[in-house]
Amino acid sequence: MTATRATVSHLERGIALIRVDGPLLGSEEITAFKEAVAACIAEKASRLLIDLGGVNYMNSTAIGVLVSAFTSYTRRQWQLKLCGMNMAVNSIITITKLNLLLDTSETRTDALAKFSG
């Protein structure tokens, strides 16, 4: 089984991208994801896109990381968006009603178009 990775890169217009690949189930995977979000906050990346296209499942701890990231970004009046969720992850986001809180898009292109400024 391949380890989950959370890779940070930078796109045009100062947008940071976290690309997550693999399930978000165990403490190591969650830690990598949390550290990637913390790195973006530390470098003052005021626009963050989290691409969950490589995630096939996430547990409640991963959802907690998403909520924490949303809270941190909202408190700073920064922008956070999600994209690329498969049906299983999208169902989790919908069941937990996070789709009412988080700005989600089907594709990275769609999400990038939503960033203001």
Protein backbone atom coordinates (compact mmCIF):
# COMPACT_ATOMS: atom_id res chain seq x y z
CA MET A 1 0.00 0.00 0.00
CA THR A 2 1.33 3.42 -0.96
CA ALA A 3 1.80 6.00 1.77
CA THR A 4 -0.39 9.08 1.72
CA ARG A 5 1.36 12.24 0.62
CA ALA A 6 0.39 15.87 1.06
CA THR A 7 2.46 17.95 -1.34
CA VAL A 8 2.56 21.75 -1.25
CA SER A 9 3.25 23.71 -4.42
CA HIS A 10 2.51 27.20 -5.65
CA LEU A 11 0.33 28.19 -8.59
CA GLU A 12 -0.28 31.45 -10.39
CA ARG A 13 -1.65 34.51 -8.57
CA GLY A 14 -0.06 33.49 -5.27
CA ILE A 15 -2.31 30.46 -4.78
CA ALA A 16 -0.86 27.63 -2.70
CA LEU A 17 -1.89 24.10 -3.61
CA ILE A 18 -1.96 21.07 -1.34
CA ARG A 19 -2.34 17.89 -3.37
CA VAL A 20 -3.29 14.91 -1.20
CA ASP A 21 -2.76 11.39 -2.55
CA GLY A 22 -3.88 8.31 -0.64
CA PRO A 23 -6.36 7.63 2.14
CA LEU A 24 -6.55 9.99 5.11
CA LEU A 25 -7.06 7.38 7.82
CA GLY A 26 -4.03 6.99 10.07
CA SER A 27 -2.06 9.32 12.27
CA GLU A 28 0.90 9.57 9.86
CA GLU A 29 -1.32 10.54 6.95
CA ILE A 30 -3.27 13.05 9.01
CA THR A 31 -0.02 14.52 10.39
CA ALA A 32 1.34 15.05 6.87
CA PHE A 33 -1.88 16.78 5.84
CA LYS A 34 -1.94 18.93 8.99
CA GLU A 35 1.71 19.92 8.50
CA ALA A 36 1.05 20.91 4.89
CA VAL A 37 -1.81 23.20 6.00
CA ALA A 38 0.33 24.64 8.82
CA ALA A 39 3.16 25.33 6.35
CA CYS A 40 0.80 27.29 4.11
CA ILE A 41 -0.43 29.34 7.06
CA ALA A 42 3.14 29.95 8.28
CA GLU A 43 4.19 31.28 4.88
CA LYS A 44 1.09 33.48 4.81
CA ALA A 45 -0.39 31.81 1.73
CA SER A 46 -3.69 33.68 1.85
CA ARG A 47 -5.21 31.59 -0.94
CA LEU A 48 -5.19 27.84 -0.51
CA LEU A 49 -6.55 25.17 -2.81
CA ILE A 50 -6.72 21.64 -1.41
CA ASP A 51 -6.92 19.06 -4.19
CA LEU A 52 -8.42 15.85 -2.79
CA GLY A 53 -8.47 14.09 -6.17
CA GLY A 54 -6.08 11.40 -4.93
CA VAL A 55 -7.99 10.67 -1.71
CA ASN A 56 -10.23 7.62 -1.80
CA TYR A 57 -11.37 7.81 1.83
CA MET A 58 -11.02 10.04 4.88
CA ASN A 59 -11.93 9.58 8.51
CA SER A 60 -13.33 12.01 11.06
CA THR A 61 -9.86 13.22 12.03
CA ALA A 62 -9.22 14.32 8.44
CA ILE A 63 -12.54 16.14 8.47
CA GLY A 64 -11.38 17.86 11.65
CA VAL A 65 -8.24 19.03 9.82
CA LEU A 66 -10.41 20.47 7.04
CA VAL A 67 -12.62 22.30 9.54
CA SER A 68 -9.56 23.60 11.39
CA ALA A 69 -8.03 24.82 8.12
CA PHE A 70 -11.31 26.50 7.18
CA THR A 71 -11.48 28.19 10.58
CA SER A 72 -7.86 29.38 10.40
CA TYR A 73 -8.34 30.78 6.92
CA THR A 74 -11.70 32.39 7.63
CA ARG A 75 -10.41 34.01 10.82
CA ARG A 76 -7.63 35.64 8.80
CA GLN A 77 -10.08 36.62 6.02
CA TRP A 78 -8.14 34.37 3.63
CA GLN A 79 -9.58 32.05 1.00
CA LEU A 80 -9.67 28.24 1.09
CA LYS A 81 -11.20 26.02 -1.57
CA LEU A 82 -11.41 22.26 -2.21
CA CYS A 83 -11.45 20.43 -5.51
CA GLY A 84 -11.24 17.05 -7.16
CA MET A 85 -13.21 15.00 -4.67
CA ASN A 86 -14.32 11.57 -5.85
CA MET A 87 -17.82 10.28 -5.08
CA ALA A 88 -16.82 8.68 -1.75
CA VAL A 89 -15.11 11.80 -0.38
CA ASN A 90 -17.86 14.04 -1.77
CA SER A 91 -20.43 11.88 0.05
CA ILE A 92 -18.54 12.29 3.33
CA ILE A 93 -18.40 16.06 2.82
CA THR A 94 -22.13 16.11 2.03
CA ILE A 95 -23.22 13.80 4.88
CA THR A 96 -21.30 15.93 7.39
CA LYS A 97 -22.84 19.04 5.80
CA LEU A 98 -19.38 20.51 5.21
CA ASN A 99 -20.50 21.25 1.67
CA LEU A 100 -22.50 24.10 3.23
CA LEU A 101 -19.35 25.50 4.82
CA LEU A 102 -16.52 24.70 2.42
CA ASP A 103 -16.20 26.07 -1.10
CA THR A 104 -15.88 23.00 -3.32
CA SER A 105 -15.38 22.55 -7.05
CA GLU A 106 -15.29 19.52 -9.26
CA THR A 107 -12.06 20.49 -11.03
CA ARG A 108 -8.94 22.44 -10.18
CA THR A 109 -9.68 24.84 -13.06
CA ASP A 110 -13.15 25.59 -11.69
CA ALA A 111 -11.74 26.17 -8.19
CA LEU A 112 -8.98 28.48 -9.44
CA ALA A 113 -11.56 30.61 -11.24
CA LYS A 114 -13.38 31.20 -7.93
CA PHE A 115 -10.42 32.88 -6.19
CA SER A 116 -10.89 36.63 -5.93
CA GLY A 117 -8.17 39.24 -6.08
